[in-house]
Amino acid sequence: YYNDWDMLQTVGLPACAGQAPSSIHKICKFEACHCNKGCVADLL
């Protein structure tokens, strides 16, 4: 979500859950699955 925006803009590898808003997807280098399916596992 948008409260993660600055965090994602700061790190080297920004990633987002699949259901994140489209503007969040645009700033991420890795797009994971929906959080219900295990998006953190996708990144790891």
ModelCIF file with pLDDT and N, C-alpha, C, O atoms, coordinates in Angstrom:
data_MODEL
#
_entry.id   MODEL 
#
_entity.id                         1 
_entity.type                       polymer 
_entity.pdbx_number_of_molecules   1 
#
_entity_poly.entity_id                      1 
_entity_poly.type                           'polypeptide(L)' 
_entity_poly.nstd_linkage                   no 
_entity_poly.nstd_monomer                   no 
_entity_poly.pdbx_seq_one_letter_code       YYNDWDMLQTVGLPACAGQAPSSIHKICKFEACHCNKGCVADLL 
_entity_poly.pdbx_seq_one_letter_code_can   YYNDWDMLQTVGLPACAGQAPSSIHKICKFEACHCNKGCVADLL 
_entity_poly.pdbx_strand_id                 A 
#
loop_
_entity_poly_seq.entity_id 
_entity_poly_seq.num 
_entity_poly_seq.mon_id 
_entity_poly_seq.hetero 
1 1  TYR n 
1 2  TYR n 
1 3  ASN n 
1 4  ASP n 
1 5  TRP n 
1 6  ASP n 
1 7  MET n 
1 8  LEU n 
1 9  GLN n 
1 10 THR n 
1 11 VAL n 
1 12 GLY n 
1 13 LEU n 
1 14 PRO n 
1 15 ALA n 
1 16 CYS n 
1 17 ALA n 
1 18 GLY n 
1 19 GLN n 
1 20 ALA n 
1 21 PRO n 
1 22 SER n 
1 23 SER n 
1 24 ILE n 
1 25 HIS n 
1 26 LYS n 
1 27 ILE n 
1 28 CYS n 
1 29 LYS n 
1 30 PHE n 
1 31 GLU n 
1 32 ALA n 
1 33 CYS n 
1 34 HIS n 
1 35 CYS n 
1 36 ASN n 
1 37 LYS n 
1 38 GLY n 
1 39 CYS n 
1 40 VAL n 
1 41 ALA n 
1 42 ASP n 
1 43 LEU n 
1 44 LEU n 
#
_struct_asym.id          A 
_struct_asym.entity_id   1 
#
loop_
_ma_qa_metric.id 
_ma_qa_metric.mode 
_ma_qa_metric.name 
_ma_qa_metric.software_group_id 
_ma_qa_metric.type 
1 global pLDDT . pLDDT 
2 local  pLDDT . pLDDT 
#
_ma_qa_metric_global.metric_id      1 
_ma_qa_metric_global.metric_value   96.20 
_ma_qa_metric_global.model_id       1 
_ma_qa_metric_global.ordinal_id     1 
#
loop_
_ma_qa_metric_local.label_asym_id 
_ma_qa_metric_local.label_comp_id 
_ma_qa_metric_local.label_seq_id 
_ma_qa_metric_local.metric_id 
_ma_qa_metric_local.metric_value 
_ma_qa_metric_local.model_id 
_ma_qa_metric_local.ordinal_id 
A TYR 1  2 87.00 1 1  
A TYR 2  2 84.00 1 2  
A ASN 3  2 82.00 1 3  
A ASP 4  2 92.00 1 4  
A TRP 5  2 92.00 1 5  
A ASP 6  2 93.00 1 6  
A MET 7  2 95.00 1 7  
A LEU 8  2 98.00 1 8  
A GLN 9  2 97.00 1 9  
A THR 10 2 97.00 1 10 
A VAL 11 2 98.00 1 11 
A GLY 12 2 98.00 1 12 
A LEU 13 2 98.00 1 13 
A PRO 14 2 98.00 1 14 
A ALA 15 2 98.00 1 15 
A CYS 16 2 98.00 1 16 
A ALA 17 2 98.00 1 17 
A GLY 18 2 97.00 1 18 
A GLN 19 2 97.00 1 19 
A ALA 20 2 96.00 1 20 
A PRO 21 2 95.00 1 21 
A SER 22 2 97.00 1 22 
A SER 23 2 97.00 1 23 
A ILE 24 2 97.00 1 24 
A HIS 25 2 97.00 1 25 
A LYS 26 2 97.00 1 26 
A ILE 27 2 97.00 1 27 
A CYS 28 2 98.00 1 28 
A LYS 29 2 97.00 1 29 
A PHE 30 2 98.00 1 30 
A GLU 31 2 98.00 1 31 
A ALA 32 2 98.00 1 32 
A CYS 33 2 98.00 1 33 
A HIS 34 2 98.00 1 34 
A CYS 35 2 98.00 1 35 
A ASN 36 2 97.00 1 36 
A LYS 37 2 97.00 1 37 
A GLY 38 2 98.00 1 38 
A CYS 39 2 98.00 1 39 
A VAL 40 2 98.00 1 40 
A ALA 41 2 98.00 1 41 
A ASP 42 2 98.00 1 42 
A LEU 43 2 98.00 1 43 
A LEU 44 2 98.00 1 44 
#
loop_
_atom_site.group_PDB 
_atom_site.id 
_atom_site.type_symbol 
_atom_site.label_atom_id 
_atom_site.label_alt_id 
_atom_site.label_comp_id 
_atom_site.label_asym_id 
_atom_site.label_entity_id 
_atom_site.label_seq_id 
_atom_site.pdbx_PDB_ins_code 
_atom_site.Cartn_x 
_atom_site.Cartn_y 
_atom_site.Cartn_z 
_atom_site.occupancy 
_atom_site.B_iso_or_equiv 
_atom_site.pdbx_formal_charge 
_atom_site.auth_seq_id 
_atom_site.auth_comp_id 
_atom_site.auth_asym_id 
_atom_site.auth_atom_id 
_atom_site.pdbx_PDB_model_num 
ATOM 1   N N  . TYR A 1 1  ? 0.835  -1.203  0.000   1.00 87.00 ? 1  TYR A N  1 
ATOM 2   C CA . TYR A 1 1  ? 0.000  0.000   0.000   1.00 87.00 ? 1  TYR A CA 1 
ATOM 3   C C  . TYR A 1 1  ? 0.869  1.252   0.000   1.00 87.00 ? 1  TYR A C  1 
ATOM 4   O O  . TYR A 1 1  ? 2.097  1.170   0.035   1.00 87.00 ? 1  TYR A O  1 
ATOM 5   N N  . TYR A 1 2  ? 0.202  2.433   -0.041  1.00 84.00 ? 2  TYR A N  1 
ATOM 6   C CA . TYR A 1 2  ? 0.916  3.691   -0.196  1.00 84.00 ? 2  TYR A CA 1 
ATOM 7   C C  . TYR A 1 2  ? 1.813  4.036   0.990   1.00 84.00 ? 2  TYR A C  1 
ATOM 8   O O  . TYR A 1 2  ? 2.762  4.804   0.832   1.00 84.00 ? 2  TYR A O  1 
ATOM 9   N N  . ASN A 1 3  ? 1.538  3.485   2.177   1.00 82.00 ? 3  ASN A N  1 
ATOM 10  C CA . ASN A 1 3  ? 2.442  3.742   3.294   1.00 82.00 ? 3  ASN A CA 1 
ATOM 11  C C  . ASN A 1 3  ? 3.753  2.984   3.132   1.00 82.00 ? 3  ASN A C  1 
ATOM 12  O O  . ASN A 1 3  ? 4.676  3.171   3.924   1.00 82.00 ? 3  ASN A O  1 
ATOM 13  N N  . ASP A 1 4  ? 3.845  2.126   2.109   1.00 92.00 ? 4  ASP A N  1 
ATOM 14  C CA . ASP A 1 4  ? 5.098  1.423   1.790   1.00 92.00 ? 4  ASP A CA 1 
ATOM 15  C C  . ASP A 1 4  ? 5.859  2.126   0.664   1.00 92.00 ? 4  ASP A C  1 
ATOM 16  O O  . ASP A 1 4  ? 6.956  1.704   0.298   1.00 92.00 ? 4  ASP A O  1 
ATOM 17  N N  . TRP A 1 5  ? 5.286  3.184   0.122   1.00 92.00 ? 5  TRP A N  1 
ATOM 18  C CA . TRP A 1 5  ? 5.860  3.855   -1.056  1.00 92.00 ? 5  TRP A CA 1 
ATOM 19  C C  . TRP A 1 5  ? 7.309  4.276   -0.831  1.00 92.00 ? 5  TRP A C  1 
ATOM 20  O O  . TRP A 1 5  ? 8.186  3.919   -1.619  1.00 92.00 ? 5  TRP A O  1 
ATOM 21  N N  . ASP A 1 6  ? 7.569  5.033   0.237   1.00 93.00 ? 6  ASP A N  1 
ATOM 22  C CA . ASP A 1 6  ? 8.929  5.513   0.489   1.00 93.00 ? 6  ASP A CA 1 
ATOM 23  C C  . ASP A 1 6  ? 9.893  4.350   0.735   1.00 93.00 ? 6  ASP A C  1 
ATOM 24  O O  . ASP A 1 6  ? 11.042 4.393   0.295   1.00 93.00 ? 6  ASP A O  1 
ATOM 25  N N  . MET A 1 7  ? 9.431  3.319   1.433   1.00 95.00 ? 7  MET A N  1 
ATOM 26  C CA . MET A 1 7  ? 10.245 2.127   1.667   1.00 95.00 ? 7  MET A CA 1 
ATOM 27  C C  . MET A 1 7  ? 10.660 1.498   0.339   1.00 95.00 ? 7  MET A C  1 
ATOM 28  O O  . MET A 1 7  ? 11.828 1.165   0.141   1.00 95.00 ? 7  MET A O  1 
ATOM 29  N N  . LEU A 1 8  ? 9.709  1.340   -0.557  1.00 98.00 ? 8  LEU A N  1 
ATOM 30  C CA . LEU A 1 8  ? 9.991  0.699   -1.839  1.00 98.00 ? 8  LEU A CA 1 
ATOM 31  C C  . LEU A 1 8  ? 10.878 1.556   -2.734  1.00 98.00 ? 8  LEU A C  1 
ATOM 32  O O  . LEU A 1 8  ? 11.643 1.033   -3.545  1.00 98.00 ? 8  LEU A O  1 
ATOM 33  N N  . GLN A 1 9  ? 10.774 2.865   -2.585  1.00 97.00 ? 9  GLN A N  1 
ATOM 34  C CA . GLN A 1 9  ? 11.627 3.776   -3.365  1.00 97.00 ? 9  GLN A CA 1 
ATOM 35  C C  . GLN A 1 9  ? 13.060 3.810   -2.849  1.00 97.00 ? 9  GLN A C  1 
ATOM 36  O O  . GLN A 1 9  ? 13.966 4.272   -3.543  1.00 97.00 ? 9  GLN A O  1 
ATOM 37  N N  . THR A 1 10 ? 13.260 3.319   -1.635  1.00 97.00 ? 10 THR A N  1 
ATOM 38  C CA . THR A 1 10 ? 14.569 3.436   -0.979  1.00 97.00 ? 10 THR A CA 1 
ATOM 39  C C  . THR A 1 10 ? 15.453 2.215   -1.197  1.00 97.00 ? 10 THR A C  1 
ATOM 40  O O  . THR A 1 10 ? 16.659 2.357   -1.397  1.00 97.00 ? 10 THR A O  1 
ATOM 41  N N  . VAL A 1 11 ? 14.873 1.016   -1.160  1.00 98.00 ? 11 VAL A N  1 
ATOM 42  C CA . VAL A 1 11 ? 15.677 -0.210  -1.198  1.00 98.00 ? 11 VAL A CA 1 
ATOM 43  C C  . VAL A 1 11 ? 16.116 -0.558  -2.610  1.00 98.00 ? 11 VAL A C  1 
ATOM 44  O O  . VAL A 1 11 ? 15.609 -0.011  -3.589  1.00 98.00 ? 11 VAL A O  1 
ATOM 45  N N  . GLY A 1 12 ? 17.075 -1.485  -2.695  1.00 98.00 ? 12 GLY A N  1 
ATOM 46  C CA . GLY A 1 12 ? 17.594 -1.885  -3.999  1.00 98.00 ? 12 GLY A CA 1 
ATOM 47  C C  . GLY A 1 12 ? 16.655 -2.775  -4.788  1.00 98.00 ? 12 GLY A C  1 
ATOM 48  O O  . GLY A 1 12 ? 16.589 -2.688  -6.014  1.00 98.00 ? 12 GLY A O  1 
ATOM 49  N N  . LEU A 1 13 ? 15.923 -3.639  -4.080  1.00 98.00 ? 13 LEU A N  1 
ATOM 50  C CA . LEU A 1 13 ? 14.998 -4.556  -4.736  1.00 98.00 ? 13 LEU A CA 1 
ATOM 51  C C  . LEU A 1 13 ? 13.593 -4.381  -4.151  1.00 98.00 ? 13 LEU A C  1 
ATOM 52  O O  . LEU A 1 13 ? 13.221 -5.089  -3.215  1.00 98.00 ? 13 LEU A O  1 
ATOM 53  N N  . PRO A 1 14 ? 12.818 -3.452  -4.691  1.00 98.00 ? 14 PRO A N  1 
ATOM 54  C CA . PRO A 1 14 ? 11.444 -3.257  -4.218  1.00 98.00 ? 14 PRO A CA 1 
ATOM 55  C C  . PRO A 1 14 ? 10.511 -4.290  -4.827  1.00 98.00 ? 14 PRO A C  1 
ATOM 56  O O  . PRO A 1 14 ? 10.589 -4.585  -6.019  1.00 98.00 ? 14 PRO A O  1 
ATOM 57  N N  . ALA A 1 15 ? 9.620  -4.842  -3.994  1.00 98.00 ? 15 ALA A N  1 
ATOM 58  C CA . ALA A 1 15 ? 8.671  -5.852  -4.458  1.00 98.00 ? 15 ALA A CA 1 
ATOM 59  C C  . ALA A 1 15 ? 7.297  -5.540  -3.883  1.00 98.00 ? 15 ALA A C  1 
ATOM 60  O O  . ALA A 1 15 ? 7.183  -4.880  -2.850  1.00 98.00 ? 15 ALA A O  1 
ATOM 61  N N  . CYS A 1 16 ? 6.257  -6.015  -4.554  1.00 98.00 ? 16 CYS A N  1 
ATOM 62  C CA . CYS A 1 16 ? 4.909  -5.750  -4.061  1.00 98.00 ? 16 CYS A CA 1 
ATOM 63  C C  . CYS A 1 16 ? 4.038  -6.986  -4.168  1.00 98.00 ? 16 CYS A C  1 
ATOM 64  O O  . CYS A 1 16 ? 4.264  -7.866  -4.999  1.00 98.00 ? 16 CYS A O  1 
ATOM 65  N N  . ALA A 1 17 ? 3.029  -7.027  -3.296  1.00 98.00 ? 17 ALA A N  1 
ATOM 66  C CA . ALA A 1 17 ? 2.011  -8.062  -3.359  1.00 98.00 ? 17 ALA A CA 1 
ATOM 67  C C  . ALA A 1 17 ? 1.160  -7.845  -4.613  1.00 98.00 ? 17 ALA A C  1 
ATOM 68  O O  . ALA A 1 17 ? 1.029  -6.723  -5.101  1.00 98.00 ? 17 ALA A O  1 
ATOM 69  N N  . GLY A 1 18 ? 0.594  -8.923  -5.118  1.00 97.00 ? 18 GLY A N  1 
ATOM 70  C CA . GLY A 1 18 ? -0.146 -8.846  -6.376  1.00 97.00 ? 18 GLY A CA 1 
ATOM 71  C C  . GLY A 1 18 ? -1.315 -7.898  -6.364  1.00 97.00 ? 18 GLY A C  1 
ATOM 72  O O  . GLY A 1 18 ? -1.657 -7.321  -7.396  1.00 97.00 ? 18 GLY A O  1 
ATOM 73  N N  . GLN A 1 19 ? -1.951 -7.721  -5.180  1.00 97.00 ? 19 GLN A N  1 
ATOM 74  C CA . GLN A 1 19 ? -3.154 -6.878  -5.116  1.00 97.00 ? 19 GLN A CA 1 
ATOM 75  C C  . GLN A 1 19 ? -2.833 -5.409  -4.860  1.00 97.00 ? 19 GLN A C  1 
ATOM 76  O O  . GLN A 1 19 ? -3.750 -4.604  -4.699  1.00 97.00 ? 19 GLN A O  1 
ATOM 77  N N  . ALA A 1 20 ? -1.564 -5.045  -4.820  1.00 96.00 ? 20 ALA A N  1 
ATOM 78  C CA . ALA A 1 20 ? -1.177 -3.651  -4.575  1.00 96.00 ? 20 ALA A CA 1 
ATOM 79  C C  . ALA A 1 20 ? -1.712 -2.742  -5.690  1.00 96.00 ? 20 ALA A C  1 
ATOM 80  O O  . ALA A 1 20 ? -1.911 -3.201  -6.815  1.00 96.00 ? 20 ALA A O  1 
ATOM 81  N N  . PRO A 1 21 ? -1.947 -1.450  -5.385  1.00 95.00 ? 21 PRO A N  1 
ATOM 82  C CA . PRO A 1 21 ? -2.392 -0.511  -6.417  1.00 95.00 ? 21 PRO A CA 1 
ATOM 83  C C  . PRO A 1 21 ? -1.415 -0.448  -7.587  1.00 95.00 ? 21 PRO A C  1 
ATOM 84  O O  . PRO A 1 21 ? -0.222 -0.700  -7.419  1.00 95.00 ? 21 PRO A O  1 
ATOM 85  N N  . SER A 1 22 ? -1.916 -0.118  -8.757  1.00 97.00 ? 22 SER A N  1 
ATOM 86  C CA . SER A 1 22 ? -1.087 -0.122  -9.967  1.00 97.00 ? 22 SER A CA 1 
ATOM 87  C C  . SER A 1 22 ? 0.115  0.797   -9.856  1.00 97.00 ? 22 SER A C  1 
ATOM 88  O O  . SER A 1 22 ? 1.177  0.491   -10.398 1.00 97.00 ? 22 SER A O  1 
ATOM 89  N N  . SER A 1 23 ? -0.035 1.928   -9.157  1.00 97.00 ? 23 SER A N  1 
ATOM 90  C CA . SER A 1 23 ? 1.097  2.850   -9.014  1.00 97.00 ? 23 SER A CA 1 
ATOM 91  C C  . SER A 1 23 ? 2.216  2.245   -8.178  1.00 97.00 ? 23 SER A C  1 
ATOM 92  O O  . SER A 1 23 ? 3.383  2.587   -8.371  1.00 97.00 ? 23 SER A O  1 
ATOM 93  N N  . ILE A 1 24 ? 1.877  1.349   -7.252  1.00 97.00 ? 24 ILE A N  1 
ATOM 94  C CA . ILE A 1 24 ? 2.899  0.641   -6.475  1.00 97.00 ? 24 ILE A CA 1 
ATOM 95  C C  . ILE A 1 24 ? 3.627  -0.349  -7.374  1.00 97.00 ? 24 ILE A C  1 
ATOM 96  O O  . ILE A 1 24 ? 4.851  -0.469  -7.305  1.00 97.00 ? 24 ILE A O  1 
ATOM 97  N N  . HIS A 1 25 ? 2.885  -1.055  -8.211  1.00 97.00 ? 25 HIS A N  1 
ATOM 98  C CA . HIS A 1 25 ? 3.505  -2.004  -9.144  1.00 97.00 ? 25 HIS A CA 1 
ATOM 99  C C  . HIS A 1 25 ? 4.540  -1.310  -10.031 1.00 97.00 ? 25 HIS A C  1 
ATOM 100 O O  . HIS A 1 25 ? 5.585  -1.880  -10.343 1.00 97.00 ? 25 HIS A O  1 
ATOM 101 N N  . LYS A 1 26 ? 4.241  -0.084  -10.428 1.00 97.00 ? 26 LYS A N  1 
ATOM 102 C CA . LYS A 1 26 ? 5.113  0.624   -11.369 1.00 97.00 ? 26 LYS A CA 1 
ATOM 103 C C  . LYS A 1 26 ? 6.491  0.929   -10.796 1.00 97.00 ? 26 LYS A C  1 
ATOM 104 O O  . LYS A 1 26 ? 7.454  1.057   -11.552 1.00 97.00 ? 26 LYS A O  1 
ATOM 105 N N  . ILE A 1 27 ? 6.605  1.050   -9.465  1.00 97.00 ? 27 ILE A N  1 
ATOM 106 C CA . ILE A 1 27 ? 7.909  1.379   -8.880  1.00 97.00 ? 27 ILE A CA 1 
ATOM 107 C C  . ILE A 1 27 ? 8.655  0.139   -8.391  1.00 97.00 ? 27 ILE A C  1 
ATOM 108 O O  . ILE A 1 27 ? 9.753  0.253   -7.846  1.00 97.00 ? 27 ILE A O  1 
ATOM 109 N N  . CYS A 1 28 ? 8.070  -1.040  -8.581  1.00 98.00 ? 28 CYS A N  1 
ATOM 110 C CA . CYS A 1 28 ? 8.685  -2.273  -8.082  1.00 98.00 ? 28 CYS A CA 1 
ATOM 111 C C  . CYS A 1 28 ? 9.426  -3.029  -9.180  1.00 98.00 ? 28 CYS A C  1 
ATOM 112 O O  . CYS A 1 28 ? 9.041  -2.998  -10.349 1.00 98.00 ? 28 CYS A O  1 
ATOM 113 N N  . LYS A 1 29 ? 10.488 -3.701  -8.779  1.00 97.00 ? 29 LYS A N  1 
ATOM 114 C CA . LYS A 1 29 ? 11.283 -4.512  -9.692  1.00 97.00 ? 29 LYS A CA 1 
ATOM 115 C C  . LYS A 1 29 ? 10.852 -5.980  -9.673  1.00 97.00 ? 29 LYS A C  1 
ATOM 116 O O  . LYS A 1 29 ? 11.207 -6.749  -10.565 1.00 97.00 ? 29 LYS A O  1 
ATOM 117 N N  . PHE A 1 30 ? 10.087 -6.358  -8.651  1.00 98.00 ? 30 PHE A N  1 
ATOM 118 C CA . PHE A 1 30 ? 9.569  -7.730  -8.578  1.00 98.00 ? 30 PHE A CA 1 
ATOM 119 C C  . PHE A 1 30 ? 8.110  -7.665  -8.149  1.00 98.00 ? 30 PHE A C  1 
ATOM 120 O O  . PHE A 1 30 ? 7.770  -7.037  -7.146  1.00 98.00 ? 30 PHE A O  1 
ATOM 121 N N  . GLU A 1 31 ? 7.256  -8.321  -8.923  1.00 98.00 ? 31 GLU A N  1 
ATOM 122 C CA . GLU A 1 31 ? 5.830  -8.367  -8.623  1.00 98.00 ? 31 GLU A CA 1 
ATOM 123 C C  . GLU A 1 31 ? 5.456  -9.784  -8.203  1.00 98.00 ? 31 GLU A C  1 
ATOM 124 O O  . GLU A 1 31 ? 5.531  -10.720 -8.999  1.00 98.00 ? 31 GLU A O  1 
ATOM 125 N N  . ALA A 1 32 ? 5.055  -9.929  -6.947  1.00 98.00 ? 32 ALA A N  1 
ATOM 126 C CA . ALA A 1 32 ? 4.723  -11.233 -6.387  1.00 98.00 ? 32 ALA A CA 1 
ATOM 127 C C  . ALA A 1 32 ? 3.236  -11.534 -6.573  1.00 98.00 ? 32 ALA A C  1 
ATOM 128 O O  . ALA A 1 32 ? 2.490  -10.731 -7.133  1.00 98.00 ? 32 ALA A O  1 
ATOM 129 N N  . CYS A 1 33 ? 2.826  -12.695 -6.098  1.00 98.00 ? 33 CYS A N  1 
ATOM 130 C CA . CYS A 1 33 ? 1.425  -13.097 -6.181  1.00 98.00 ? 33 CYS A CA 1 
ATOM 131 C C  . CYS A 1 33 ? 0.583  -12.347 -5.151  1.00 98.00 ? 33 CYS A C  1 
ATOM 132 O O  . CYS A 1 33 ? 1.120  -11.564 -4.367  1.00 98.00 ? 33 CYS A O  1 
ATOM 133 N N  . HIS A 1 34 ? -0.706 -12.574 -5.145  1.00 98.00 ? 34 HIS A N  1 
ATOM 134 C CA . HIS A 1 34 ? -1.612 -12.001 -4.154  1.00 98.00 ? 34 HIS A CA 1 
ATOM 135 C C  . HIS A 1 34 ? -1.182 -12.446 -2.764  1.00 98.00 ? 34 HIS A C  1 
ATOM 136 O O  . HIS A 1 34 ? -0.681 -13.556 -2.588  1.00 98.00 ? 34 HIS A O  1 
ATOM 137 N N  . CYS A 1 35 ? -1.380 -11.576 -1.777  1.00 98.00 ? 35 CYS A N  1 
ATOM 138 C CA . CYS A 1 35 ? -0.946 -11.891 -0.414  1.00 98.00 ? 35 CYS A CA 1 
ATOM 139 C C  . CYS A 1 35 ? -1.603 -13.160 0.133   1.00 98.00 ? 35 CYS A C  1 
ATOM 140 O O  . CYS A 1 35 ? -1.023 -13.838 0.980   1.00 98.00 ? 35 CYS A O  1 
ATOM 141 N N  . ASN A 1 36 ? -2.796 -13.483 -0.338  1.00 97.00 ? 36 ASN A N  1 
ATOM 142 C CA . ASN A 1 36 ? -3.470 -14.694 0.138   1.00 97.00 ? 36 ASN A CA 1 
ATOM 143 C C  . ASN A 1 36 ? -2.737 -15.968 -0.271  1.00 97.00 ? 36 ASN A C  1 
ATOM 144 O O  . ASN A 1 36 ? -2.928 -17.025 0.330   1.00 97.00 ? 36 ASN A O  1 
ATOM 145 N N  . LYS A 1 37 ? -1.896 -15.856 -1.299  1.00 97.00 ? 37 LYS A N  1 
ATOM 146 C CA . LYS A 1 37 ? -1.208 -17.038 -1.827  1.00 97.00 ? 37 LYS A CA 1 
ATOM 147 C C  . LYS A 1 37 ? 0.252  -17.139 -1.378  1.00 97.00 ? 37 LYS A C  1 
ATOM 148 O O  . LYS A 1 37 ? 0.921  -18.127 -1.682  1.00 97.00 ? 37 LYS A O  1 
ATOM 149 N N  . GLY A 1 38 ? 0.756  -16.127 -0.655  1.00 98.00 ? 38 GLY A N  1 
ATOM 150 C CA . GLY A 1 38 ? 2.128  -16.193 -0.151  1.00 98.00 ? 38 GLY A CA 1 
ATOM 151 C C  . GLY A 1 38 ? 3.119  -15.355 -0.922  1.00 98.00 ? 38 GLY A C  1 
ATOM 152 O O  . GLY A 1 38 ? 4.086  -15.878 -1.476  1.00 98.00 ? 38 GLY A O  1 
ATOM 153 N N  . CYS A 1 39 ? 2.882  -14.040 -0.962  1.00 98.00 ? 39 CYS A N  1 
ATOM 154 C CA . CYS A 1 39 ? 3.739  -13.163 -1.764  1.00 98.00 ? 39 CYS A CA 1 
ATOM 155 C C  . CYS A 1 39 ? 5.157  -13.041 -1.213  1.00 98.00 ? 39 CYS A C  1 
ATOM 156 O O  . CYS A 1 39 ? 6.102  -12.870 -1.984  1.00 98.00 ? 39 CYS A O  1 
ATOM 157 N N  . VAL A 1 40 ? 5.321  -13.124 0.105   1.00 98.00 ? 40 VAL A N  1 
ATOM 158 C CA . VAL A 1 40 ? 6.668  -13.047 0.688   1.00 98.00 ? 40 VAL A CA 1 
ATOM 159 C C  . VAL A 1 40 ? 7.486  -14.258 0.248   1.00 98.00 ? 40 VAL A C  1 
ATOM 160 O O  . VAL A 1 40 ? 8.674  -14.132 -0.048  1.00 98.00 ? 40 VAL A O  1 
ATOM 161 N N  . ALA A 1 41 ? 6.854  -15.426 0.204   1.00 98.00 ? 41 ALA A N  1 
ATOM 162 C CA . ALA A 1 41 ? 7.534  -16.630 -0.274  1.00 98.00 ? 41 ALA A CA 1 
ATOM 163 C C  . ALA A 1 41 ? 7.981  -16.463 -1.721  1.00 98.00 ? 41 ALA A C  1 
ATOM 164 O O  . ALA A 1 41 ? 9.071  -16.900 -2.091  1.00 98.00 ? 41 ALA A O  1 
ATOM 165 N N  . ASP A 1 42 ? 7.137  -15.829 -2.543  1.00 98.00 ? 42 ASP A N  1 
ATOM 166 C CA . ASP A 1 42 ? 7.517  -15.564 -3.939  1.00 98.00 ? 42 ASP A CA 1 
ATOM 167 C C  . ASP A 1 42 ? 8.829  -14.797 -4.004  1.00 98.00 ? 42 ASP A C  1 
ATOM 168 O O  . ASP A 1 42 ? 9.725  -15.162 -4.765  1.00 98.00 ? 42 ASP A O  1 
ATOM 169 N N  . LEU A 1 43 ? 8.949  -13.743 -3.217  1.00 98.00 ? 43 LEU A N  1 
ATOM 170 C CA . LEU A 1 43 ? 10.159 -12.920 -3.219  1.00 98.00 ? 43 LEU A CA 1 
ATOM 171 C C  . LEU A 1 43 ? 11.363 -13.705 -2.719  1.00 98.00 ? 43 LEU A C  1 
ATOM 172 O O  . LEU A 1 43 ? 12.428 -13.666 -3.334  1.00 98.00 ? 43 LEU A O  1 
ATOM 173 N N  . LEU A 1 44 ? 11.204 -14.410 -1.620  1.00 98.00 ? 44 LEU A N  1 
ATOM 174 C CA . LEU A 1 44 ? 12.327 -15.167 -1.058  1.00 98.00 ? 44 LEU A CA 1 
ATOM 175 C C  . LEU A 1 44 ? 12.778 -16.285 -1.992  1.00 98.00 ? 44 LEU A C  1 
ATOM 176 O O  . LEU A 1 44 ? 13.713 -17.019 -1.671  1.00 98.00 ? 44 LEU A O  1 
#
